[in-house]
């Protein structure tokens, strides 16, 4: 094992230590899912935008400050979170409005 881990490696090591798994080496050209925890889509272009639900959110849980995420991906995640919070707030307001209407 590497003696000096980066912050990112330490966060991943801490996160992955919760699971029981075996790592098997597979030559790169044969490994179609290489680095699947940090990749998004194999054929993604810089301008491709996807809804936040399409992404694995592990990166954000392990690295909430987005230090290791590419800047455009971190911005996408933040926008998605804001959008989800707005939708949740609107739904809560609607629910309160319906509840008040029922009580009248």
N, C-alpha and C. Protein backbone atom coordinates (compact mmCIF):
# COMPACT_ATOMS: atom_id res chain seq x y z
N UNK A 1 0.84 -1.18 0.00
CA UNK A 1 0.00 0.00 0.00
C UNK A 1 0.89 1.24 0.00
N UNK A 2 0.39 2.28 -0.61
CA UNK A 2 1.09 3.56 -0.71
C UNK A 2 1.24 4.17 0.69
N UNK A 3 2.41 4.71 1.02
CA UNK A 3 2.64 5.25 2.37
C UNK A 3 2.06 6.64 2.57
N UNK A 4 2.15 7.52 1.58
CA UNK A 4 1.61 8.88 1.71
C UNK A 4 0.36 9.02 0.85
N UNK A 5 -0.80 8.95 1.48
CA UNK A 5 -2.05 9.06 0.75
C UNK A 5 -2.47 10.52 0.62
N UNK A 6 -3.11 10.83 -0.50
CA UNK A 6 -3.67 12.18 -0.67
C UNK A 6 -4.95 12.27 0.14
N UNK A 7 -5.46 13.47 0.30
CA UNK A 7 -6.73 13.66 1.01
C UNK A 7 -7.85 12.87 0.36
N UNK A 8 -7.88 12.90 -0.95
CA UNK A 8 -8.91 12.16 -1.68
C UNK A 8 -8.79 10.66 -1.42
N UNK A 9 -7.58 10.14 -1.47
CA UNK A 9 -7.37 8.71 -1.23
C UNK A 9 -7.78 8.33 0.19
N UNK A 10 -7.47 9.20 1.15
CA UNK A 10 -7.85 8.91 2.54
C UNK A 10 -9.37 8.89 2.70
N UNK A 11 -10.07 9.83 2.05
CA UNK A 11 -11.54 9.85 2.14
C UNK A 11 -12.12 8.60 1.52
N UNK A 12 -11.58 8.19 0.36
CA UNK A 12 -12.07 6.98 -0.28
C UNK A 12 -11.76 5.75 0.58
N UNK A 13 -10.57 5.70 1.14
CA UNK A 13 -10.21 4.56 1.98
C UNK A 13 -11.15 4.47 3.18
N UNK A 14 -11.44 5.60 3.80
CA UNK A 14 -12.36 5.63 4.93
C UNK A 14 -13.74 5.16 4.51
N UNK A 15 -14.23 5.66 3.38
CA UNK A 15 -15.56 5.29 2.91
C UNK A 15 -15.62 3.81 2.55
N UNK A 16 -14.66 3.33 1.79
CA UNK A 16 -14.69 1.94 1.32
C UNK A 16 -14.42 0.93 2.43
N UNK A 17 -13.80 1.38 3.53
CA UNK A 17 -13.52 0.46 4.64
C UNK A 17 -14.79 -0.06 5.30
N UNK A 18 -15.91 0.55 5.00
CA UNK A 18 -17.20 0.12 5.56
C UNK A 18 -17.75 -1.13 4.88
N UNK A 19 -17.17 -1.50 3.75
CA UNK A 19 -17.70 -2.59 2.94
C UNK A 19 -16.75 -3.78 2.94
N UNK A 20 -17.34 -4.97 2.76
CA UNK A 20 -16.56 -6.20 2.64
C UNK A 20 -16.45 -6.50 1.14
N UNK A 21 -15.26 -6.37 0.59
CA UNK A 21 -15.08 -6.56 -0.84
C UNK A 21 -13.66 -7.03 -1.14
N UNK A 22 -13.48 -7.58 -2.32
CA UNK A 22 -12.17 -7.98 -2.81
C UNK A 22 -11.88 -7.19 -4.07
N UNK A 23 -10.64 -6.80 -4.23
CA UNK A 23 -10.22 -6.08 -5.42
C UNK A 23 -9.43 -7.04 -6.30
N UNK A 24 -9.85 -7.16 -7.55
CA UNK A 24 -9.18 -8.04 -8.50
C UNK A 24 -8.63 -7.18 -9.63
N UNK A 25 -7.34 -7.34 -9.91
CA UNK A 25 -6.72 -6.56 -10.99
C UNK A 25 -7.26 -7.01 -12.34
N UNK A 26 -7.57 -6.04 -13.18
CA UNK A 26 -7.99 -6.32 -14.54
C UNK A 26 -7.25 -5.34 -15.45
N UNK A 27 -6.64 -5.87 -16.48
CA UNK A 27 -5.88 -5.03 -17.41
C UNK A 27 -6.79 -3.93 -17.98
N UNK A 28 -6.27 -2.71 -18.05
CA UNK A 28 -7.05 -1.54 -18.45
C UNK A 28 -7.88 -1.70 -19.70
N UNK A 29 -7.31 -2.28 -20.75
CA UNK A 29 -8.05 -2.40 -22.01
C UNK A 29 -9.22 -3.37 -21.90
N UNK A 30 -9.19 -4.26 -20.90
CA UNK A 30 -10.29 -5.20 -20.69
C UNK A 30 -11.31 -4.69 -19.68
N UNK A 31 -10.98 -3.61 -19.00
CA UNK A 31 -11.83 -3.11 -17.92
C UNK A 31 -12.72 -1.98 -18.43
N UNK A 32 -13.97 -2.31 -18.75
CA UNK A 32 -14.90 -1.32 -19.30
C UNK A 32 -15.52 -0.45 -18.21
N UNK A 33 -15.41 -0.84 -16.96
CA UNK A 33 -15.98 -0.05 -15.87
C UNK A 33 -14.89 0.54 -14.98
N UNK A 34 -13.72 0.75 -15.53
CA UNK A 34 -12.60 1.30 -14.75
C UNK A 34 -12.98 2.62 -14.13
N UNK A 35 -12.63 2.77 -12.88
CA UNK A 35 -12.84 4.02 -12.17
C UNK A 35 -14.31 4.44 -12.16
N UNK A 36 -15.20 3.44 -12.05
CA UNK A 36 -16.63 3.73 -12.16
C UNK A 36 -17.15 4.61 -11.03
N UNK A 37 -16.48 4.66 -9.90
CA UNK A 37 -16.97 5.50 -8.80
C UNK A 37 -16.74 6.98 -9.05
N UNK A 38 -15.81 7.32 -9.90
CA UNK A 38 -15.57 8.74 -10.14
C UNK A 38 -15.91 9.18 -11.57
N UNK A 39 -16.22 8.24 -12.46
CA UNK A 39 -16.59 8.60 -13.82
C UNK A 39 -18.10 8.79 -13.91
N UNK A 40 -18.52 9.54 -14.89
CA UNK A 40 -19.94 9.79 -15.08
C UNK A 40 -20.47 8.96 -16.24
N UNK A 41 -20.11 9.31 -17.41
CA UNK A 41 -20.52 8.58 -18.59
C UNK A 41 -19.31 8.41 -19.49
N UNK A 42 -19.18 7.24 -20.07
CA UNK A 42 -18.00 6.94 -20.87
C UNK A 42 -17.83 7.92 -22.03
N UNK A 43 -18.91 8.35 -22.65
CA UNK A 43 -18.83 9.22 -23.82
C UNK A 43 -19.25 10.66 -23.52
N UNK A 44 -19.18 11.08 -22.28
CA UNK A 44 -19.56 12.45 -21.91
C UNK A 44 -18.69 13.48 -22.61
N UNK A 45 -19.31 14.53 -23.09
CA UNK A 45 -18.61 15.70 -23.60
C UNK A 45 -18.63 16.76 -22.52
N UNK A 46 -17.81 17.77 -22.64
CA UNK A 46 -17.74 18.84 -21.66
C UNK A 46 -19.09 19.52 -21.48
N UNK A 47 -19.85 19.67 -22.56
CA UNK A 47 -21.12 20.40 -22.51
C UNK A 47 -22.32 19.53 -22.15
N UNK A 48 -22.13 18.22 -21.97
CA UNK A 48 -23.24 17.35 -21.62
C UNK A 48 -23.71 17.64 -20.20
N UNK A 49 -25.01 17.83 -20.05
CA UNK A 49 -25.61 18.09 -18.75
C UNK A 49 -26.61 16.96 -18.49
N UNK A 50 -26.59 16.43 -17.29
CA UNK A 50 -27.51 15.37 -16.89
C UNK A 50 -28.18 15.77 -15.59
N UNK A 51 -29.39 15.26 -15.37
CA UNK A 51 -30.07 15.57 -14.11
C UNK A 51 -29.30 14.92 -12.98
N UNK A 52 -29.35 15.55 -11.81
CA UNK A 52 -28.53 15.12 -10.68
C UNK A 52 -28.82 13.68 -10.27
N UNK A 53 -30.05 13.21 -10.49
CA UNK A 53 -30.40 11.84 -10.10
C UNK A 53 -29.67 10.79 -10.92
N UNK A 54 -29.13 11.18 -12.06
CA UNK A 54 -28.42 10.23 -12.91
C UNK A 54 -27.01 9.93 -12.41
N UNK A 55 -26.51 10.73 -11.50
CA UNK A 55 -25.14 10.56 -11.03
C UNK A 55 -25.08 9.77 -9.73
N UNK A 56 -23.98 9.10 -9.54
CA UNK A 56 -23.71 8.49 -8.25
C UNK A 56 -23.25 9.62 -7.34
N UNK A 57 -23.92 9.81 -6.22
CA UNK A 57 -23.63 10.96 -5.36
C UNK A 57 -22.56 10.66 -4.31
N UNK A 58 -21.88 9.55 -4.45
CA UNK A 58 -20.85 9.21 -3.49
C UNK A 58 -19.76 10.26 -3.43
N UNK A 59 -19.36 10.78 -4.58
CA UNK A 59 -18.32 11.82 -4.59
C UNK A 59 -18.69 12.99 -3.71
N UNK A 60 -19.93 13.41 -3.75
CA UNK A 60 -20.37 14.57 -2.98
C UNK A 60 -20.42 14.24 -1.50
N UNK A 61 -20.81 13.00 -1.16
CA UNK A 61 -20.84 12.61 0.25
C UNK A 61 -19.43 12.52 0.83
N UNK A 62 -18.50 12.03 0.05
CA UNK A 62 -17.13 11.87 0.53
C UNK A 62 -16.38 13.19 0.46
N UNK A 63 -16.67 13.98 -0.54
CA UNK A 63 -15.96 15.24 -0.78
C UNK A 63 -16.98 16.38 -0.90
N UNK A 64 -17.66 16.74 0.21
CA UNK A 64 -18.73 17.73 0.13
C UNK A 64 -18.27 19.10 -0.35
N UNK A 65 -17.02 19.44 -0.15
CA UNK A 65 -16.52 20.74 -0.59
C UNK A 65 -16.18 20.73 -2.08
N UNK A 66 -16.21 19.56 -2.71
CA UNK A 66 -15.94 19.46 -4.13
C UNK A 66 -14.50 19.69 -4.51
N UNK A 67 -13.58 19.47 -3.58
CA UNK A 67 -12.17 19.73 -3.85
C UNK A 67 -11.63 18.87 -4.98
N UNK A 68 -12.13 17.64 -5.11
CA UNK A 68 -11.59 16.72 -6.10
C UNK A 68 -12.50 16.54 -7.31
N UNK A 69 -13.67 17.14 -7.30
CA UNK A 69 -14.56 17.04 -8.46
C UNK A 69 -14.13 18.05 -9.52
N UNK A 70 -14.27 17.69 -10.79
CA UNK A 70 -14.03 18.70 -11.82
C UNK A 70 -15.00 19.86 -11.61
N UNK A 71 -14.56 21.10 -11.79
CA UNK A 71 -15.41 22.26 -11.48
C UNK A 71 -16.79 22.23 -12.14
N UNK A 72 -16.85 21.83 -13.42
CA UNK A 72 -18.15 21.81 -14.09
C UNK A 72 -19.09 20.77 -13.48
N UNK A 73 -18.55 19.67 -12.99
CA UNK A 73 -19.39 18.65 -12.35
C UNK A 73 -19.88 19.13 -10.99
N UNK A 74 -19.03 19.82 -10.25
CA UNK A 74 -19.43 20.33 -8.94
C UNK A 74 -20.55 21.36 -9.11
N UNK A 75 -20.43 22.21 -10.12
CA UNK A 75 -21.48 23.20 -10.39
C UNK A 75 -22.79 22.50 -10.73
N UNK A 76 -22.73 21.42 -11.52
CA UNK A 76 -23.93 20.65 -11.86
C UNK A 76 -24.59 20.10 -10.61
N UNK A 77 -23.79 19.56 -9.71
CA UNK A 77 -24.33 18.97 -8.49
C UNK A 77 -25.00 20.05 -7.64
N UNK A 78 -24.33 21.19 -7.48
CA UNK A 78 -24.90 22.28 -6.68
C UNK A 78 -26.20 22.77 -7.30
N UNK A 79 -26.22 22.96 -8.61
CA UNK A 79 -27.46 23.39 -9.28
C UNK A 79 -28.58 22.38 -9.05
N UNK A 80 -28.24 21.11 -9.16
CA UNK A 80 -29.24 20.06 -8.93
C UNK A 80 -29.76 20.07 -7.51
N UNK A 81 -28.87 20.30 -6.55
CA UNK A 81 -29.30 20.34 -5.15
C UNK A 81 -30.22 21.54 -4.91
N UNK A 82 -29.87 22.69 -5.48
CA UNK A 82 -30.71 23.88 -5.34
C UNK A 82 -32.08 23.61 -5.96
N UNK A 83 -32.08 22.99 -7.12
CA UNK A 83 -33.34 22.67 -7.80
C UNK A 83 -34.18 21.73 -6.95
N UNK A 84 -33.56 20.70 -6.38
CA UNK A 84 -34.30 19.76 -5.54
C UNK A 84 -34.84 20.44 -4.29
N UNK A 85 -34.05 21.32 -3.68
CA UNK A 85 -34.50 22.04 -2.48
C UNK A 85 -35.68 22.95 -2.82
N UNK A 86 -35.62 23.60 -3.96
CA UNK A 86 -36.71 24.47 -4.40
C UNK A 86 -37.98 23.66 -4.62
N UNK A 87 -37.85 22.51 -5.28
CA UNK A 87 -39.01 21.65 -5.51
C UNK A 87 -39.59 21.17 -4.19
N UNK A 88 -38.71 20.80 -3.26
CA UNK A 88 -39.16 20.32 -1.96
C UNK A 88 -39.88 21.43 -1.19
N UNK A 89 -39.34 22.64 -1.25
CA UNK A 89 -39.96 23.78 -0.57
C UNK A 89 -41.33 24.08 -1.18
N UNK A 90 -41.43 24.06 -2.49
CA UNK A 90 -42.71 24.30 -3.16
C UNK A 90 -43.73 23.23 -2.78
N UNK A 91 -43.29 21.99 -2.71
CA UNK A 91 -44.19 20.90 -2.32
C UNK A 91 -44.65 21.06 -0.88
N UNK A 92 -43.75 21.49 -0.01
CA UNK A 92 -44.10 21.73 1.39
C UNK A 92 -45.13 22.85 1.50
N UNK A 93 -44.92 23.93 0.75
CA UNK A 93 -45.88 25.04 0.76
C UNK A 93 -47.24 24.59 0.25
N UNK A 94 -47.24 23.79 -0.79
CA UNK A 94 -48.49 23.27 -1.34
C UNK A 94 -49.18 22.38 -0.33
N UNK A 95 -48.42 21.55 0.34
CA UNK A 95 -48.97 20.65 1.36
C UNK A 95 -49.59 21.45 2.51
N UNK A 96 -48.89 22.50 2.96
CA UNK A 96 -49.43 23.35 4.04
C UNK A 96 -50.71 24.04 3.59
N UNK A 97 -50.72 24.50 2.34
CA UNK A 97 -51.90 25.17 1.80
C UNK A 97 -53.08 24.21 1.77
N UNK A 98 -52.86 22.97 1.32
CA UNK A 98 -53.93 21.98 1.28
C UNK A 98 -54.41 21.63 2.68
N UNK A 99 -53.48 21.53 3.62
CA UNK A 99 -53.84 21.22 5.00
C UNK A 99 -54.72 22.34 5.58
N UNK A 100 -54.34 23.59 5.34
CA UNK A 100 -55.14 24.73 5.82
C UNK A 100 -56.52 24.73 5.18
N UNK A 101 -56.58 24.40 3.91
CA UNK A 101 -57.85 24.36 3.20
C UNK A 101 -58.76 23.29 3.79
N UNK A 102 -58.20 22.15 4.15
CA UNK A 102 -58.98 21.07 4.75
C UNK A 102 -59.50 21.46 6.13
N UNK A 103 -58.72 22.24 6.86
CA UNK A 103 -59.11 22.63 8.21
C UNK A 103 -60.22 23.68 8.21
N UNK A 104 -60.40 24.40 7.11
CA UNK A 104 -61.45 25.43 7.01
C UNK A 104 -62.74 24.77 6.80
